[in-house]
C-alpha atoms as a PDB file:
ATOM      1  CA  UNK A   1      39.836 104.071 122.611  1.00  0.00           C
ATOM      2  CA  UNK A   2      42.497 106.321 124.222  1.00  0.00           C
ATOM      3  CA  UNK A   3      43.747 109.414 122.290  1.00  0.00           C
ATOM      4  CA  UNK A   4      45.557 108.422 119.073  1.00  0.00           C
ATOM      5  CA  UNK A   5      49.242 107.433 119.595  1.00  0.00           C
ATOM      6  CA  UNK A   6      52.118 106.849 117.367  1.00  0.00           C
ATOM      7  CA  UNK A   7      53.411 103.509 116.282  1.00  0.00           C
ATOM      8  CA  UNK A   8      56.112 103.458 118.830  1.00  0.00           C
ATOM      9  CA  UNK A   9      53.708 104.317 121.719  1.00  0.00           C
ATOM     10  CA  UNK A  10      51.265 101.615 120.396  1.00  0.00           C
ATOM     11  CA  UNK A  11      53.915  98.995 120.388  1.00  0.00           C
ATOM     12  CA  UNK A  12      54.643  99.904 124.087  1.00  0.00           C
ATOM     13  CA  UNK A  13      51.034  99.739 125.040  1.00  0.00           C
ATOM     14  CA  UNK A  14      50.782  96.296 123.322  1.00  0.00           C
ATOM     15  CA  UNK A  15      53.827  95.125 125.164  1.00  0.00           C
ATOM     16  CA  UNK A  16      52.532  96.339 128.619  1.00  0.00           C
ATOM     17  CA  UNK A  17      49.261  94.526 127.855  1.00  0.00           C
ATOM     18  CA  UNK A  18      51.112  91.249 127.075  1.00  0.00           C
ATOM     19  CA  UNK A  19      53.333  91.459 130.272  1.00  0.00           C
ATOM     20  CA  UNK A  20      50.391  92.262 132.443  1.00  0.00           C
ATOM     21  CA  UNK A  21      48.319  89.399 131.042  1.00  0.00           C
ATOM     22  CA  UNK A  22      51.200  86.740 131.379  1.00  0.00           C
ATOM     23  CA  UNK A  23      51.931  87.785 134.849  1.00  0.00           C
ATOM     24  CA  UNK A  24      48.255  87.710 135.833  1.00  0.00           C
ATOM     25  CA  UNK A  25      47.827  84.299 134.389  1.00  0.00           C
ATOM     26  CA  UNK A  26      51.032  83.050 135.973  1.00  0.00           C
ATOM     27  CA  UNK A  27      49.437  83.818 139.260  1.00  0.00           C
ATOM     28  CA  UNK A  28      46.182  82.023 138.201  1.00  0.00           C
ATOM     29  CA  UNK A  29      44.145  85.163 138.560  1.00  0.00           C
ATOM     30  CA  UNK A  30      41.186  86.403 136.601  1.00  0.00           C
ATOM     31  CA  UNK A  31      41.057  90.053 135.643  1.00  0.00           C
ATOM     32  CA  UNK A  32      38.590  90.606 138.431  1.00  0.00           C
ATOM     33  CA  UNK A  33      40.999  89.133 141.037  1.00  0.00           C
ATOM     34  CA  UNK A  34      43.786  91.447 139.703  1.00  0.00           C
ATOM     35  CA  UNK A  35      41.284  94.407 139.846  1.00  0.00           C
ATOM     36  CA  UNK A  36      40.605  93.618 143.508  1.00  0.00           C
ATOM     37  CA  UNK A  37      44.177  93.239 144.425  1.00  0.00           C
ATOM     38  CA  UNK A  38      45.538  96.375 142.569  1.00  0.00           C
ATOM     39  CA  UNK A  39      42.612  98.691 142.880  1.00  0.00           C
ATOM     40  CA  UNK A  40      42.540  99.235 139.079  1.00  0.00           C
ATOM     41  CA  UNK A  41      39.146  98.643 137.548  1.00  0.00           C
ATOM     42  CA  UNK A  42      38.453  95.578 135.714  1.00  0.00           C
ATOM     43  CA  UNK A  43      37.191  97.463 132.739  1.00  0.00           C
ATOM     44  CA  UNK A  44      40.351  99.491 132.512  1.00  0.00           C
ATOM     45  CA  UNK A  45      42.501  96.345 133.015  1.00  0.00           C
ATOM     46  CA  UNK A  46      40.644  94.817 130.078  1.00  0.00           C
ATOM     47  CA  UNK A  47      41.845  97.748 128.013  1.00  0.00           C
ATOM     48  CA  UNK A  48      45.380  97.553 129.327  1.00  0.00           C
ATOM     49  CA  UNK A  49      45.661  93.896 128.406  1.00  0.00           C
ATOM     50  CA  UNK A  50      44.521  94.468 124.846  1.00  0.00           C
ATOM     51  CA  UNK A  51      46.854  97.430 124.325  1.00  0.00           C
ATOM     52  CA  UNK A  52      44.172 100.114 124.557  1.00  0.00           C
ATOM     53  CA  UNK A  53      44.679 101.463 127.899  1.00  0.00           C
ATOM     54  CA  UNK A  54      46.973 104.384 128.150  1.00  0.00           C
ATOM     55  CA  UNK A  55      47.857 103.838 131.812  1.00  0.00           C
ATOM     56  CA  UNK A  56      49.258 106.560 134.192  1.00  0.00           C
ATOM     57  CA  UNK A  57      52.420 106.122 136.294  1.00  0.00           C
ATOM     58  CA  UNK A  58      50.489 105.780 139.444  1.00  0.00           C
ATOM     59  CA  UNK A  59      48.251 103.116 138.156  1.00  0.00           C
ATOM     60  CA  UNK A  60      51.181 101.322 136.649  1.00  0.00           C
ATOM     61  CA  UNK A  61      52.826 101.219 139.973  1.00  0.00           C
ATOM     62  CA  UNK A  62      49.819  99.843 141.503  1.00  0.00           C
ATOM     63  CA  UNK A  63      49.700  97.076 138.966  1.00  0.00           C
ATOM     64  CA  UNK A  64      53.299  96.114 139.397  1.00  0.00           C
ATOM     65  CA  UNK A  65      52.923  96.063 143.103  1.00  0.00           C
ATOM     66  CA  UNK A  66      50.007  93.685 142.738  1.00  0.00           C
ATOM     67  CA  UNK A  67      51.860  91.516 140.341  1.00  0.00           C
ATOM     68  CA  UNK A  68      55.014  91.461 142.482  1.00  0.00           C
ATOM     69  CA  UNK A  69      57.289  93.217 140.131  1.00  0.00           C
ATOM     70  CA  UNK A  70      58.869  96.639 139.316  1.00  0.00           C
ATOM     71  CA  UNK A  71      56.939  99.008 136.894  1.00  0.00           C
ATOM     72  CA  UNK A  72      59.740  98.873 134.478  1.00  0.00           C
ATOM     73  CA  UNK A  73      59.321  95.074 134.058  1.00  0.00           C
ATOM     74  CA  UNK A  74      55.893  95.727 132.714  1.00  0.00           C
ATOM     75  CA  UNK A  75      57.162  98.228 130.106  1.00  0.00           C
ATOM     76  CA  UNK A  76      58.213  95.653 127.251  1.00  0.00           C
ATOM     77  CA  UNK A  77      58.672  97.185 123.798  1.00  0.00           C
ATOM     78  CA  UNK A  78      57.720  94.465 121.352  1.00  0.00           C
ATOM     79  CA  UNK A  79      58.575  96.583 118.362  1.00  0.00           C
ATOM     80  CA  UNK A  80      56.140  97.971 115.821  1.00  0.00           C
ATOM     81  CA  UNK A  81      52.892  95.964 115.157  1.00  0.00           C
ATOM     82  CA  UNK A  82      53.354  94.280 111.745  1.00  0.00           C
ATOM     83  CA  UNK A  83      50.762  91.967 110.519  1.00  0.00           C
ATOM     84  CA  UNK A  84      50.470  90.542 107.045  1.00  0.00           C
ATOM     85  CA  UNK A  85      47.348  88.876 105.621  1.00  0.00           C
ATOM     86  CA  UNK A  86      47.517  86.236 102.937  1.00  0.00           C
ATOM     87  CA  UNK A  87      45.111  84.407 100.770  1.00  0.00           C
ATOM     88  CA  UNK A  88      43.459  84.193  97.375  1.00  0.00           C
ATOM     89  CA  UNK A  89      41.404  86.923  95.793  1.00  0.00           C
ATOM     90  CA  UNK A  90      38.232  87.001  97.943  1.00  0.00           C
ATOM     91  CA  UNK A  91      39.767  85.945 101.234  1.00  0.00           C
ATOM     92  CA  UNK A  92      38.889  89.340 102.768  1.00  0.00           C
ATOM     93  CA  UNK A  93      42.346  90.686 103.064  1.00  0.00           C
ATOM     94  CA  UNK A  94      41.443  94.256 102.178  1.00  0.00           C
ATOM     95  CA  UNK A  95      38.090  94.418 104.260  1.00  0.00           C
ATOM     96  CA  UNK A  96      39.478  92.541 107.326  1.00  0.00           C
ATOM     97  CA  UNK A  97      42.953  94.371 106.955  1.00  0.00           C
ATOM     98  CA  UNK A  98      41.430  97.848 107.037  1.00  0.00           C
ATOM     99  CA  UNK A  99      39.214  97.141 110.005  1.00  0.00           C
ATOM    100  CA  UNK A 100      42.202  95.342 112.010  1.00  0.00           C
ATOM    101  CA  UNK A 101      44.469  98.311 111.261  1.00  0.00           C
ATOM    102  CA  UNK A 102      41.758 100.611 112.554  1.00  0.00           C
ATOM    103  CA  UNK A 103      41.217  98.561 115.679  1.00  0.00           C
ATOM    104  CA  UNK A 104      44.980  98.435 116.359  1.00  0.00           C
ATOM    105  CA  UNK A 105      45.549 102.023 115.567  1.00  0.00           C
ATOM    106  CA  UNK A 106      48.193 101.221 112.776  1.00  0.00           C
ATOM    107  CA  UNK A 107      48.452 101.963 109.043  1.00  0.00           C
ATOM    108  CA  UNK A 108      46.778  99.630 106.540  1.00  0.00           C
ATOM    109  CA  UNK A 109      48.911  98.861 103.450  1.00  0.00           C
ATOM    110  CA  UNK A 110      47.923  97.212 100.005  1.00  0.00           C
ATOM    111  CA  UNK A 111      51.122  95.887  98.792  1.00  0.00           C
ATOM    112  CA  UNK A 112      49.870  95.658  95.220  1.00  0.00           C
ATOM    113  CA  UNK A 113      49.016  99.435  95.464  1.00  0.00           C
ATOM    114  CA  UNK A 114      52.503 100.204  96.610  1.00  0.00           C
ATOM    115  CA  UNK A 115      53.924  98.192  93.679  1.00  0.00           C
ATOM    116  CA  UNK A 116      51.636 100.019  91.122  1.00  0.00           C
ATOM    117  CA  UNK A 117      52.748 103.420  92.697  1.00  0.00           C
ATOM    118  CA  UNK A 118      56.460 102.328  92.445  1.00  0.00           C
ATOM    119  CA  UNK A 119      55.951 101.181  88.699  1.00  0.00           C
ATOM    120  CA  UNK A 120      53.735 104.069  87.773  1.00  0.00           C
ATOM    121  CA  UNK A 121      51.447 101.569  86.139  1.00  0.00           C
ATOM    122  CA  UNK A 122      48.264  99.466  86.998  1.00  0.00           C
ATOM    123  CA  UNK A 123      49.127  95.781  87.785  1.00  0.00           C
ATOM    124  CA  UNK A 124      47.599  94.604  84.583  1.00  0.00           C
ATOM    125  CA  UNK A 125      49.901  96.839  82.566  1.00  0.00           C
ATOM    126  CA  UNK A 126      52.997  95.815  84.771  1.00  0.00           C
ATOM    127  CA  UNK A 127      52.303  92.232  83.788  1.00  0.00           C
ATOM    128  CA  UNK A 128      51.487  92.983  80.076  1.00  0.00           C
ATOM    129  CA  UNK A 129      54.507  95.244  79.537  1.00  0.00           C
ATOM    130  CA  UNK A 130      57.212  93.937  81.816  1.00  0.00           C
ATOM    131  CA  UNK A 131      56.080  90.405  82.701  1.00  0.00           C
ATOM    132  CA  UNK A 132      55.827  88.661  85.960  1.00  0.00           C
ATOM    133  CA  UNK A 133      59.519  88.422  86.720  1.00  0.00           C
ATOM    134  CA  UNK A 134      59.740  92.223  86.795  1.00  0.00           C
ATOM    135  CA  UNK A 135      56.658  92.399  89.019  1.00  0.00           C
ATOM    136  CA  UNK A 136      58.047  89.929  91.475  1.00  0.00           C
ATOM    137  CA  UNK A 137      61.308  91.787  91.841  1.00  0.00           C
ATOM    138  CA  UNK A 138      59.564  95.071  92.285  1.00  0.00           C
ATOM    139  CA  UNK A 139      57.212  93.534  94.803  1.00  0.00           C
ATOM    140  CA  UNK A 140      60.213  92.379  96.815  1.00  0.00           C
ATOM    141  CA  UNK A 141      61.982  95.621  96.584  1.00  0.00           C
ATOM    142  CA  UNK A 142      58.749  97.428  97.874  1.00  0.00           C
ATOM    143  CA  UNK A 143      58.299  95.058 100.664  1.00  0.00           C
ATOM    144  CA  UNK A 144      61.891  95.296 101.766  1.00  0.00           C
ATOM    145  CA  UNK A 145      61.581  99.064 101.886  1.00  0.00           C
ATOM    146  CA  UNK A 146      58.474  98.868 103.949  1.00  0.00           C
ATOM    147  CA  UNK A 147      59.979  96.419 106.415  1.00  0.00           C
ATOM    148  CA  UNK A 148      63.177  98.351 106.650  1.00  0.00           C
ATOM    149  CA  UNK A 149      61.163 101.410 107.795  1.00  0.00           C
ATOM    150  CA  UNK A 150      59.632 102.141 111.383  1.00  0.00           C
ATOM    151  CA  UNK A 151      56.070 101.938 110.355  1.00  0.00           C
ATOM    152  CA  UNK A 152      53.640  99.712 112.201  1.00  0.00           C
ATOM    153  CA  UNK A 153      51.122  98.320 109.797  1.00  0.00           C
ATOM    154  CA  UNK A 154      48.617  95.634 108.696  1.00  0.00           C
ATOM    155  CA  UNK A 155      49.475  94.502 105.137  1.00  0.00           C
ATOM    156  CA  UNK A 156      47.346  92.907 102.575  1.00  0.00           C
ATOM    157  CA  UNK A 157      49.638  90.859 100.358  1.00  0.00           C
ATOM    158  CA  UNK A 158      49.092  89.773  96.850  1.00  0.00           C
ATOM    159  CA  UNK A 159      47.665  86.253  96.394  1.00  0.00           C
ATOM    160  CA  UNK A 160      50.642  85.037  94.476  1.00  0.00           C
ATOM    161  CA  UNK A 161      53.365  86.404  96.760  1.00  0.00           C
ATOM    162  CA  UNK A 162      53.723  82.871  98.390  1.00  0.00           C
ATOM    163  CA  UNK A 163      55.035  81.536  94.928  1.00  0.00           C
ATOM    164  CA  UNK A 164      58.194  83.725  95.361  1.00  0.00           C
ATOM    165  CA  UNK A 165      60.081  81.698  98.275  1.00  0.00           C
ATOM    166  CA  UNK A 166      62.571  84.596  98.848  1.00  0.00           C
ATOM    167  CA  UNK A 167      59.847  87.295  99.123  1.00  0.00           C
ATOM    168  CA  UNK A 168      57.456  85.080 101.281  1.00  0.00           C
ATOM    169  CA  UNK A 169      60.490  84.372 103.638  1.00  0.00           C
ATOM    170  CA  UNK A 170      61.264  88.070 103.824  1.00  0.00           C
ATOM    171  CA  UNK A 171      57.531  88.662 104.797  1.00  0.00           C
ATOM    172  CA  UNK A 172      57.432  85.898 107.273  1.00  0.00           C
ATOM    173  CA  UNK A 173      60.686  87.189 108.999  1.00  0.00           C
ATOM    174  CA  UNK A 174      59.504  90.843 109.180  1.00  0.00           C
ATOM    175  CA  UNK A 175      55.898  90.359 110.167  1.00  0.00           C
ATOM    176  CA  UNK A 176      53.234  88.117 111.765  1.00  0.00           C
ATOM    177  CA  UNK A 177      51.674  86.320 108.809  1.00  0.00           C
ATOM    178  CA  UNK A 178      48.044  85.145 108.722  1.00  0.00           C
ATOM    179  CA  UNK A 179      46.325  83.074 106.263  1.00  0.00           C
ATOM    180  CA  UNK A 180      42.690  83.977 105.696  1.00  0.00           C
ATOM    181  CA  UNK A 181      41.414  80.621 104.593  1.00  0.00           C
ATOM    182  CA  UNK A 182      38.054  80.150 102.833  1.00  0.00           C
ATOM    183  CA  UNK A 183      36.391  77.603 100.657  1.00  0.00           C
ATOM    184  CA  UNK A 184      36.442  78.055  96.908  1.00  0.00           C
ATOM    185  CA  UNK A 185      32.700  78.781  96.784  1.00  0.00           C
ATOM    186  CA  UNK A 186      33.156  81.471  99.328  1.00  0.00           C
ATOM    187  CA  UNK A 187      35.944  83.139  97.325  1.00  0.00           C
ATOM    188  CA  UNK A 188      33.939  83.136  94.387  1.00  0.00           C
ATOM    189  CA  UNK A 189      30.894  84.545  95.943  1.00  0.00           C
ATOM    190  CA  UNK A 190      32.800  87.367  97.537  1.00  0.00           C
ATOM    191  CA  UNK A 191      34.472  88.381  94.278  1.00  0.00           C
ATOM    192  CA  UNK A 192      30.968  88.436  92.657  1.00  0.00           C
ATOM    193  CA  UNK A 193      29.555  90.423  95.495  1.00  0.00           C
ATOM    194  CA  UNK A 194      32.151  92.983  94.785  1.00  0.00           C
ATOM    195  CA  UNK A 195      30.700  93.495  91.327  1.00  0.00           C
ATOM    196  CA  UNK A 196      33.256  91.557  89.344  1.00  0.00           C
ATOM    197  CA  UNK A 197      31.264  88.890  87.440  1.00  0.00           C
ATOM    198  CA  UNK A 198      34.145  87.839  85.134  1.00  0.00           C
ATOM    199  CA  UNK A 199      34.901  84.589  87.297  1.00  0.00           C
ATOM    200  CA  UNK A 200      31.177  83.667  86.812  1.00  0.00           C
ATOM    201  CA  UNK A 201      31.213  83.940  82.979  1.00  0.00           C
ATOM    202  CA  UNK A 202      32.091  80.359  82.656  1.00  0.00           C
ATOM    203  CA  UNK A 203      31.223  79.022  86.223  1.00  0.00           C
ATOM    204  CA  UNK A 204      32.097  75.343  85.855  1.00  0.00           C
ATOM    205  CA  UNK A 205      35.518  76.218  84.449  1.00  0.00           C
ATOM    206  CA  UNK A 206      36.050  79.128  86.869  1.00  0.00           C
ATOM    207  CA  UNK A 207      35.436  76.958  89.872  1.00  0.00           C
ATOM    208  CA  UNK A 208      37.645  74.188  88.695  1.00  0.00           C
ATOM    209  CA  UNK A 209      40.394  76.544  88.144  1.00  0.00           C
ATOM    210  CA  UNK A 210      39.846  78.208  91.511  1.00  0.00           C
ATOM    211  CA  UNK A 211      39.870  74.858  93.246  1.00  0.00           C
ATOM    212  CA  UNK A 212      43.094  73.893  91.532  1.00  0.00           C
ATOM    213  CA  UNK A 213      44.706  77.207  92.430  1.00  0.00           C
ATOM    214  CA  UNK A 214      43.651  76.939  96.013  1.00  0.00           C
ATOM    215  CA  UNK A 215      44.818  73.272  96.219  1.00  0.00           C
ATOM    216  CA  UNK A 216      48.188  74.479  94.806  1.00  0.00           C
ATOM    217  CA  UNK A 217      48.780  77.409  97.078  1.00  0.00           C
ATOM    218  CA  UNK A 218      47.158  75.950 100.321  1.00  0.00           C
ATOM    219  CA  UNK A 219      50.379  74.203 101.441  1.00  0.00           C
ATOM    220  CA  UNK A 220      52.345  77.574 100.975  1.00  0.00           C
ATOM    221  CA  UNK A 221      49.632  79.624 102.736  1.00  0.00           C
ATOM    222  CA  UNK A 222      49.764  77.063 105.616  1.00  0.00           C
ATOM    223  CA  UNK A 223      53.418  78.040 106.222  1.00  0.00           C
ATOM    224  CA  UNK A 224      51.948  81.419 107.780  1.00  0.00           C
ATOM    225  CA  UNK A 225      52.238  81.869 111.496  1.00  0.00           C
ATOM    226  CA  UNK A 226      48.420  81.673 111.813  1.00  0.00           C
ATOM    227  CA  UNK A 227      45.396  80.492 109.912  1.00  0.00           C
ATOM    228  CA  UNK A 228      42.062  82.013 110.513  1.00  0.00           C
ATOM    229  CA  UNK A 229      39.062  80.304 108.690  1.00  0.00           C
ATOM    230  CA  UNK A 230      36.638  82.782 107.381  1.00  0.00           C
ATOM    231  CA  UNK A 231      34.049  80.671 105.747  1.00  0.00           C
ATOM    232  CA  UNK A 232      30.661  81.449 107.166  1.00  0.00           C
ATOM    233  CA  UNK A 233      32.197  83.723 109.951  1.00  0.00           C
ATOM    234  CA  UNK A 234      31.046  87.365 110.262  1.00  0.00           C
ATOM    235  CA  UNK A 235      33.611  89.927 109.343  1.00  0.00           C
ATOM    236  CA  UNK A 236      33.570  91.380 112.877  1.00  0.00           C
ATOM    237  CA  UNK A 237      34.440  88.136 114.323  1.00  0.00           C
ATOM    238  CA  UNK A 238      37.302  87.538 111.875  1.00  0.00           C
ATOM    239  CA  UNK A 239      38.687  90.968 112.820  1.00  0.00           C
ATOM    240  CA  UNK A 240      38.448  90.160 116.474  1.00  0.00           C
ATOM    241  CA  UNK A 241      40.378  86.980 115.828  1.00  0.00           C
ATOM    242  CA  UNK A 242      43.093  88.547 113.648  1.00  0.00           C
ATOM    243  CA  UNK A 243      43.597  91.477 115.965  1.00  0.00           C
ATOM    244  CA  UNK A 244      43.781  89.121 118.932  1.00  0.00           C
ATOM    245  CA  UNK A 245      46.932  87.548 117.270  1.00  0.00           C
ATOM    246  CA  UNK A 246      48.961  90.428 118.042  1.00  0.00           C
ATOM    247  CA  UNK A 247      47.666  91.393 121.493  1.00  0.00           C
ATOM    248  CA  UNK A 248      47.939  87.940 122.945  1.00  0.00           C
END
């Protein structure tokens, strides 16, 4: 990984990687063929194409020459990286989100934590004292403020955000949305593994409720830009798949 860069520079590197990869593929070349033509090593080219290679001006000129374009044509600012993870509790939004954010060199944001901060109350108390309507309005306000800023991020959204059409539309317009899909049994097992045994207290009822909730929300989650199935898939592989959605 190159030295840490800010979100604007990160977006520029990702745009460069995308432009190089698309031009290379347009010529029908492998990375090895581009390396042989440009004189830039295949290993460094792989880093460039995934947004990790902080290329020098000389190397950029060599790449542009090999690809038959001007250097400026490869410098495409795609805007800040903004990736939002959706799914029920136990989908892996926090675990995967933190690792993807680290991999991409951007901030990780828990939307519920931002809502708690704005309200000055834990989620349970927000619902108990003010009700769901208040929570949803505050969630939308917090999300709007986040999207209006310059920050690049990977966001873990609350599981019920998709039930608010206005907020969900706001999220989809302002970020790349990804549903982390898993089977009900996997959701339940992950929550239990986190040490929360409450869903297991009445297992038959809990599983029935979970299946019904997932069935109800699945059509909404499916409106995300991408779906990544996490059932039985190692976390590292899920992270690679999710991160790849913004560098391809």
